[in-house]
N, C-alpha and C. Protein backbone atom coordinates (compact mmCIF):
# COMPACT_ATOMS: atom_id res chain seq x y z
N MET A 1 -3.41 14.58 -11.81
CA MET A 1 -2.47 14.08 -10.84
C MET A 1 -3.16 13.18 -9.83
N ASN A 2 -4.47 13.08 -9.93
CA ASN A 2 -5.22 12.23 -9.02
C ASN A 2 -4.86 10.77 -9.25
N ALA A 3 -4.57 10.39 -10.50
CA ALA A 3 -4.23 9.01 -10.80
C ALA A 3 -2.95 8.60 -10.08
N LYS A 4 -2.00 9.48 -10.03
CA LYS A 4 -0.74 9.18 -9.35
C LYS A 4 -0.99 8.95 -7.87
N ALA A 5 -1.78 9.81 -7.26
CA ALA A 5 -2.08 9.65 -5.84
C ALA A 5 -2.84 8.36 -5.58
N ASP A 6 -3.77 8.02 -6.48
CA ASP A 6 -4.53 6.78 -6.32
C ASP A 6 -3.62 5.57 -6.41
N ILE A 7 -2.71 5.58 -7.38
CA ILE A 7 -1.80 4.44 -7.55
C ILE A 7 -0.86 4.34 -6.35
N GLU A 8 -0.34 5.48 -5.89
CA GLU A 8 0.56 5.45 -4.74
C GLU A 8 -0.16 4.98 -3.48
N LYS A 9 -1.40 5.45 -3.30
CA LYS A 9 -2.17 5.04 -2.13
C LYS A 9 -2.44 3.53 -2.17
N LYS A 10 -2.80 3.03 -3.34
CA LYS A 10 -3.07 1.61 -3.51
C LYS A 10 -1.80 0.79 -3.23
N TYR A 11 -0.68 1.29 -3.73
CA TYR A 11 0.60 0.59 -3.54
C TYR A 11 0.98 0.56 -2.05
N GLU A 12 0.85 1.70 -1.38
CA GLU A 12 1.18 1.76 0.05
C GLU A 12 0.25 0.88 0.87
N LYS A 13 -1.03 0.90 0.53
CA LYS A 13 -2.01 0.08 1.25
C LYS A 13 -1.68 -1.39 1.10
N LYS A 14 -1.36 -1.79 -0.12
CA LYS A 14 -1.05 -3.18 -0.36
C LYS A 14 0.28 -3.57 0.29
N LYS A 15 1.25 -2.66 0.25
CA LYS A 15 2.57 -2.93 0.83
C LYS A 15 2.45 -3.11 2.34
N ASN A 16 1.56 -2.35 2.97
CA ASN A 16 1.41 -2.41 4.41
C ASN A 16 0.39 -3.44 4.86
N SER A 17 -0.25 -4.13 3.91
CA SER A 17 -1.26 -5.11 4.29
C SER A 17 -0.61 -6.36 4.87
N LEU A 18 -1.40 -7.16 5.53
CA LEU A 18 -0.91 -8.35 6.20
C LEU A 18 -0.35 -9.36 5.22
N PHE A 19 -0.99 -9.52 4.08
CA PHE A 19 -0.60 -10.54 3.12
C PHE A 19 0.28 -10.02 2.00
N GLY A 20 0.50 -8.71 1.93
CA GLY A 20 1.35 -8.15 0.88
C GLY A 20 0.66 -8.20 -0.47
N GLY A 21 1.41 -7.92 -1.51
CA GLY A 21 0.84 -7.92 -2.85
C GLY A 21 1.48 -8.97 -3.72
N GLN A 22 0.86 -9.22 -4.85
CA GLN A 22 1.45 -10.14 -5.79
C GLN A 22 2.52 -9.42 -6.58
N LYS A 23 3.53 -10.15 -6.99
CA LYS A 23 4.66 -9.51 -7.66
C LYS A 23 4.25 -8.90 -9.00
N ASP A 24 3.34 -9.54 -9.72
CA ASP A 24 2.89 -9.00 -11.00
C ASP A 24 2.18 -7.66 -10.79
N ASP A 25 1.34 -7.59 -9.77
CA ASP A 25 0.65 -6.33 -9.48
C ASP A 25 1.64 -5.24 -9.09
N ASP A 26 2.64 -5.61 -8.30
CA ASP A 26 3.65 -4.64 -7.90
C ASP A 26 4.38 -4.09 -9.11
N LEU A 27 4.72 -4.96 -10.04
CA LEU A 27 5.41 -4.53 -11.25
C LEU A 27 4.53 -3.60 -12.07
N GLN A 28 3.26 -3.93 -12.21
CA GLN A 28 2.35 -3.09 -12.98
C GLN A 28 2.21 -1.71 -12.34
N GLU A 29 2.10 -1.68 -11.02
CA GLU A 29 1.98 -0.41 -10.34
C GLU A 29 3.27 0.41 -10.46
N PHE A 30 4.41 -0.26 -10.36
CA PHE A 30 5.69 0.43 -10.51
C PHE A 30 5.81 1.03 -11.90
N LEU A 31 5.44 0.24 -12.92
CA LEU A 31 5.52 0.72 -14.29
C LEU A 31 4.55 1.88 -14.52
N ALA A 32 3.37 1.80 -13.93
CA ALA A 32 2.40 2.89 -14.07
C ALA A 32 2.94 4.17 -13.43
N LEU A 33 3.56 4.05 -12.25
CA LEU A 33 4.15 5.23 -11.61
C LEU A 33 5.29 5.80 -12.43
N GLU A 34 6.09 4.94 -13.02
CA GLU A 34 7.19 5.41 -13.88
C GLU A 34 6.64 6.14 -15.10
N GLU A 35 5.58 5.63 -15.68
CA GLU A 35 4.95 6.29 -16.83
C GLU A 35 4.43 7.68 -16.43
N ILE A 36 3.83 7.75 -15.26
CA ILE A 36 3.32 9.04 -14.78
C ILE A 36 4.47 10.01 -14.55
N ARG A 37 5.56 9.53 -13.96
CA ARG A 37 6.73 10.41 -13.74
C ARG A 37 7.30 10.92 -15.06
N LYS A 38 7.34 10.03 -16.04
CA LYS A 38 7.85 10.43 -17.37
C LYS A 38 6.93 11.48 -17.98
N ASN A 39 5.63 11.27 -17.90
CA ASN A 39 4.68 12.23 -18.44
C ASN A 39 4.76 13.57 -17.71
N GLN A 40 4.97 13.53 -16.40
CA GLN A 40 5.11 14.77 -15.64
C GLN A 40 6.36 15.54 -16.08
N ALA A 41 7.45 14.82 -16.31
CA ALA A 41 8.68 15.48 -16.76
C ALA A 41 8.48 16.11 -18.13
N GLU A 42 7.77 15.41 -19.03
CA GLU A 42 7.50 15.95 -20.36
C GLU A 42 6.60 17.19 -20.26
N LEU A 43 5.59 17.12 -19.39
CA LEU A 43 4.69 18.26 -19.21
C LEU A 43 5.45 19.46 -18.66
N GLU A 44 6.30 19.22 -17.68
CA GLU A 44 7.10 20.31 -17.10
C GLU A 44 7.97 20.95 -18.17
N SER A 45 8.62 20.12 -18.96
CA SER A 45 9.49 20.63 -20.01
C SER A 45 8.69 21.46 -21.03
N ALA A 46 7.55 20.94 -21.45
CA ALA A 46 6.73 21.66 -22.43
C ALA A 46 6.21 22.98 -21.87
N MET A 47 5.79 22.96 -20.60
CA MET A 47 5.28 24.20 -20.00
C MET A 47 6.39 25.24 -19.86
N LYS A 48 7.58 24.81 -19.50
CA LYS A 48 8.67 25.76 -19.34
C LYS A 48 9.18 26.28 -20.68
N LEU A 49 9.17 25.41 -21.72
CA LEU A 49 9.66 25.82 -23.02
C LEU A 49 8.65 26.65 -23.80
N TYR A 50 7.39 26.20 -23.80
CA TYR A 50 6.40 26.79 -24.70
C TYR A 50 5.33 27.61 -23.99
N GLY A 51 5.24 27.50 -22.68
CA GLY A 51 4.21 28.23 -21.93
C GLY A 51 4.68 29.61 -21.54
N ARG A 52 3.76 30.36 -20.98
CA ARG A 52 4.10 31.70 -20.51
C ARG A 52 5.01 31.58 -19.30
N ALA A 53 5.60 32.68 -18.94
CA ALA A 53 6.50 32.69 -17.78
C ALA A 53 5.71 32.36 -16.52
N GLY A 54 6.21 31.43 -15.74
CA GLY A 54 5.56 31.05 -14.48
C GLY A 54 4.41 30.07 -14.64
N LEU A 55 4.16 29.57 -15.85
CA LEU A 55 3.05 28.65 -16.07
C LEU A 55 3.23 27.37 -15.26
N TYR A 56 4.43 26.82 -15.29
CA TYR A 56 4.66 25.58 -14.56
C TYR A 56 4.50 25.80 -13.06
N ASP A 57 4.99 26.92 -12.55
CA ASP A 57 4.84 27.21 -11.12
C ASP A 57 3.37 27.35 -10.75
N ASP A 58 2.60 27.99 -11.62
CA ASP A 58 1.16 28.10 -11.39
C ASP A 58 0.51 26.72 -11.39
N TRP A 59 0.96 25.86 -12.29
CA TRP A 59 0.45 24.49 -12.38
C TRP A 59 0.73 23.72 -11.09
N VAL A 60 1.92 23.87 -10.56
CA VAL A 60 2.29 23.19 -9.31
C VAL A 60 1.43 23.70 -8.16
N LYS A 61 1.21 25.02 -8.10
CA LYS A 61 0.36 25.60 -7.05
C LYS A 61 -1.07 25.09 -7.18
N PHE A 62 -1.56 25.03 -8.43
CA PHE A 62 -2.92 24.53 -8.67
C PHE A 62 -3.04 23.08 -8.21
N GLN A 63 -2.03 22.27 -8.52
CA GLN A 63 -2.05 20.87 -8.10
C GLN A 63 -2.08 20.76 -6.58
N ALA A 64 -1.30 21.58 -5.89
CA ALA A 64 -1.26 21.55 -4.43
C ALA A 64 -2.63 21.91 -3.85
N LYS A 65 -3.25 22.97 -4.39
CA LYS A 65 -4.57 23.36 -3.92
C LYS A 65 -5.59 22.26 -4.19
N SER A 66 -5.52 21.65 -5.36
CA SER A 66 -6.44 20.57 -5.70
C SER A 66 -6.25 19.38 -4.78
N ARG A 67 -5.01 19.05 -4.48
CA ARG A 67 -4.72 17.93 -3.59
C ARG A 67 -5.29 18.19 -2.20
N VAL A 68 -5.12 19.41 -1.71
CA VAL A 68 -5.65 19.76 -0.39
C VAL A 68 -7.17 19.67 -0.39
N SER A 69 -7.81 20.19 -1.43
CA SER A 69 -9.28 20.15 -1.47
C SER A 69 -9.79 18.71 -1.60
N ARG A 70 -9.08 17.86 -2.34
CA ARG A 70 -9.47 16.44 -2.43
C ARG A 70 -9.31 15.76 -1.07
N GLN A 71 -8.24 16.08 -0.35
CA GLN A 71 -8.04 15.49 0.97
C GLN A 71 -9.12 15.96 1.94
N GLN A 72 -9.49 17.24 1.86
CA GLN A 72 -10.56 17.74 2.72
C GLN A 72 -11.88 17.07 2.38
N ALA A 73 -12.16 16.90 1.10
CA ALA A 73 -13.40 16.25 0.69
C ALA A 73 -13.43 14.80 1.18
N GLU A 74 -12.31 14.12 1.11
CA GLU A 74 -12.23 12.74 1.58
C GLU A 74 -12.44 12.68 3.10
N ALA A 75 -11.85 13.62 3.82
CA ALA A 75 -12.03 13.66 5.27
C ALA A 75 -13.50 13.93 5.62
N GLU A 76 -14.14 14.84 4.89
CA GLU A 76 -15.55 15.12 5.12
C GLU A 76 -16.42 13.91 4.81
N ARG A 77 -16.08 13.19 3.74
CA ARG A 77 -16.83 11.98 3.38
C ARG A 77 -16.71 10.93 4.48
N LYS A 78 -15.50 10.74 4.99
CA LYS A 78 -15.29 9.77 6.07
C LYS A 78 -16.04 10.19 7.33
N ALA A 79 -16.06 11.48 7.62
CA ALA A 79 -16.78 11.97 8.79
C ALA A 79 -18.29 11.73 8.64
N ARG A 80 -18.82 11.97 7.43
CA ARG A 80 -20.24 11.71 7.18
C ARG A 80 -20.55 10.24 7.35
N ILE A 81 -19.70 9.38 6.81
CA ILE A 81 -19.91 7.93 6.93
C ILE A 81 -19.88 7.51 8.39
N ARG A 82 -18.91 8.04 9.16
CA ARG A 82 -18.81 7.71 10.58
C ARG A 82 -20.06 8.17 11.32
N LYS A 83 -20.55 9.37 10.99
CA LYS A 83 -21.74 9.90 11.65
C LYS A 83 -22.96 9.03 11.34
N ILE A 84 -23.11 8.63 10.09
CA ILE A 84 -24.24 7.78 9.69
C ILE A 84 -24.14 6.42 10.38
N THR A 85 -22.93 5.87 10.44
CA THR A 85 -22.74 4.57 11.08
C THR A 85 -23.07 4.64 12.56
N GLU A 86 -22.62 5.71 13.22
CA GLU A 86 -22.92 5.88 14.64
C GLU A 86 -24.43 6.03 14.86
N GLY A 87 -25.10 6.78 14.00
CA GLY A 87 -26.55 6.94 14.10
C GLY A 87 -27.28 5.63 13.91
N ALA A 88 -26.83 4.83 12.95
CA ALA A 88 -27.46 3.53 12.72
C ALA A 88 -27.24 2.61 13.92
N ALA A 89 -26.05 2.64 14.50
CA ALA A 89 -25.76 1.80 15.66
C ALA A 89 -26.64 2.20 16.84
N ILE A 90 -26.82 3.50 17.04
CA ILE A 90 -27.68 3.98 18.12
C ILE A 90 -29.12 3.54 17.89
N ALA A 91 -29.59 3.64 16.65
CA ALA A 91 -30.95 3.23 16.32
C ALA A 91 -31.15 1.74 16.58
N VAL A 92 -30.16 0.92 16.22
CA VAL A 92 -30.25 -0.52 16.45
C VAL A 92 -30.28 -0.80 17.95
N LEU A 93 -29.43 -0.13 18.71
CA LEU A 93 -29.41 -0.34 20.17
C LEU A 93 -30.73 0.08 20.80
N ILE A 94 -31.32 1.16 20.34
CA ILE A 94 -32.62 1.60 20.86
C ILE A 94 -33.69 0.56 20.53
N ALA A 95 -33.66 0.03 19.30
CA ALA A 95 -34.63 -0.99 18.91
C ALA A 95 -34.47 -2.25 19.76
N ILE A 96 -33.23 -2.66 20.00
CA ILE A 96 -32.99 -3.84 20.82
C ILE A 96 -33.45 -3.58 22.25
N GLY A 97 -33.16 -2.40 22.77
CA GLY A 97 -33.61 -2.05 24.12
C GLY A 97 -35.13 -2.06 24.22
N ALA A 98 -35.81 -1.51 23.22
CA ALA A 98 -37.27 -1.51 23.22
C ALA A 98 -37.81 -2.93 23.16
N ALA A 99 -37.17 -3.78 22.37
CA ALA A 99 -37.60 -5.18 22.28
C ALA A 99 -37.41 -5.90 23.61
N VAL A 100 -36.29 -5.66 24.27
CA VAL A 100 -36.04 -6.29 25.57
C VAL A 100 -37.06 -5.81 26.60
N ILE A 101 -37.32 -4.50 26.63
CA ILE A 101 -38.31 -3.96 27.57
C ILE A 101 -39.69 -4.54 27.26
N GLY A 102 -40.04 -4.63 25.99
CA GLY A 102 -41.31 -5.23 25.60
C GLY A 102 -41.41 -6.69 26.03
N ALA A 103 -40.32 -7.43 25.86
CA ALA A 103 -40.32 -8.84 26.26
C ALA A 103 -40.46 -8.97 27.78
N ILE A 104 -39.79 -8.11 28.53
CA ILE A 104 -39.90 -8.14 29.99
C ILE A 104 -41.33 -7.84 30.42
N ILE A 105 -41.92 -6.83 29.83
CA ILE A 105 -43.32 -6.48 30.15
C ILE A 105 -44.23 -7.65 29.81
N TRP A 106 -44.02 -8.27 28.67
CA TRP A 106 -44.86 -9.41 28.26
C TRP A 106 -44.71 -10.56 29.25
N PHE A 107 -43.47 -10.86 29.66
CA PHE A 107 -43.27 -11.95 30.64
C PHE A 107 -43.92 -11.62 31.98
N VAL A 108 -43.81 -10.37 32.40
CA VAL A 108 -44.44 -9.97 33.67
C VAL A 108 -45.96 -10.11 33.56
N VAL A 109 -46.54 -9.66 32.48
CA VAL A 109 -48.00 -9.76 32.29
C VAL A 109 -48.41 -11.22 32.24
N GLU A 110 -47.66 -12.05 31.54
CA GLU A 110 -47.99 -13.49 31.44
C GLU A 110 -47.85 -14.16 32.80
N ALA A 111 -46.80 -13.81 33.54
CA ALA A 111 -46.60 -14.41 34.86
C ALA A 111 -47.71 -13.99 35.82
N THR A 112 -48.13 -12.74 35.75
CA THR A 112 -49.21 -12.24 36.60
C THR A 112 -50.52 -12.91 36.24
N ALA A 113 -50.75 -13.10 34.94
CA ALA A 113 -52.00 -13.74 34.49
C ALA A 113 -52.01 -15.22 34.89
N ALA A 114 -50.84 -15.88 34.89
CA ALA A 114 -50.77 -17.28 35.24
C ALA A 114 -51.01 -17.48 36.74
N GLN A 115 -50.62 -16.52 37.56
CA GLN A 115 -50.80 -16.62 38.99
C GLN A 115 -52.25 -16.28 39.42
N GLY A 116 -52.86 -15.46 38.67
CA GLY A 116 -54.15 -14.94 39.10
C GLY A 116 -55.30 -15.59 38.48
């Protein structure tokens, strides 16, 4: 079911973007979502007809748990990326500050040497 979420997310992202999407891409995404819906209906029917009692309900619960764990993993990944980016920005600012302090010290030493 991850493919469906990926396609829906891509479609929503493109729909909400500044420039929108191309009509051919929109049609392909729509058709892909329709194919997924058809396959889901067939799977539901097969599970209810040929599976054990409650198999489809268990499948739906499993999908919900999997979706939640994927969302949590994505949130953790974004948090890690944000933390790394913030650390890199701090390191760059420290390096720039050290360079500025070094340049000031160098100018002061050169100015003192030129006067003396």
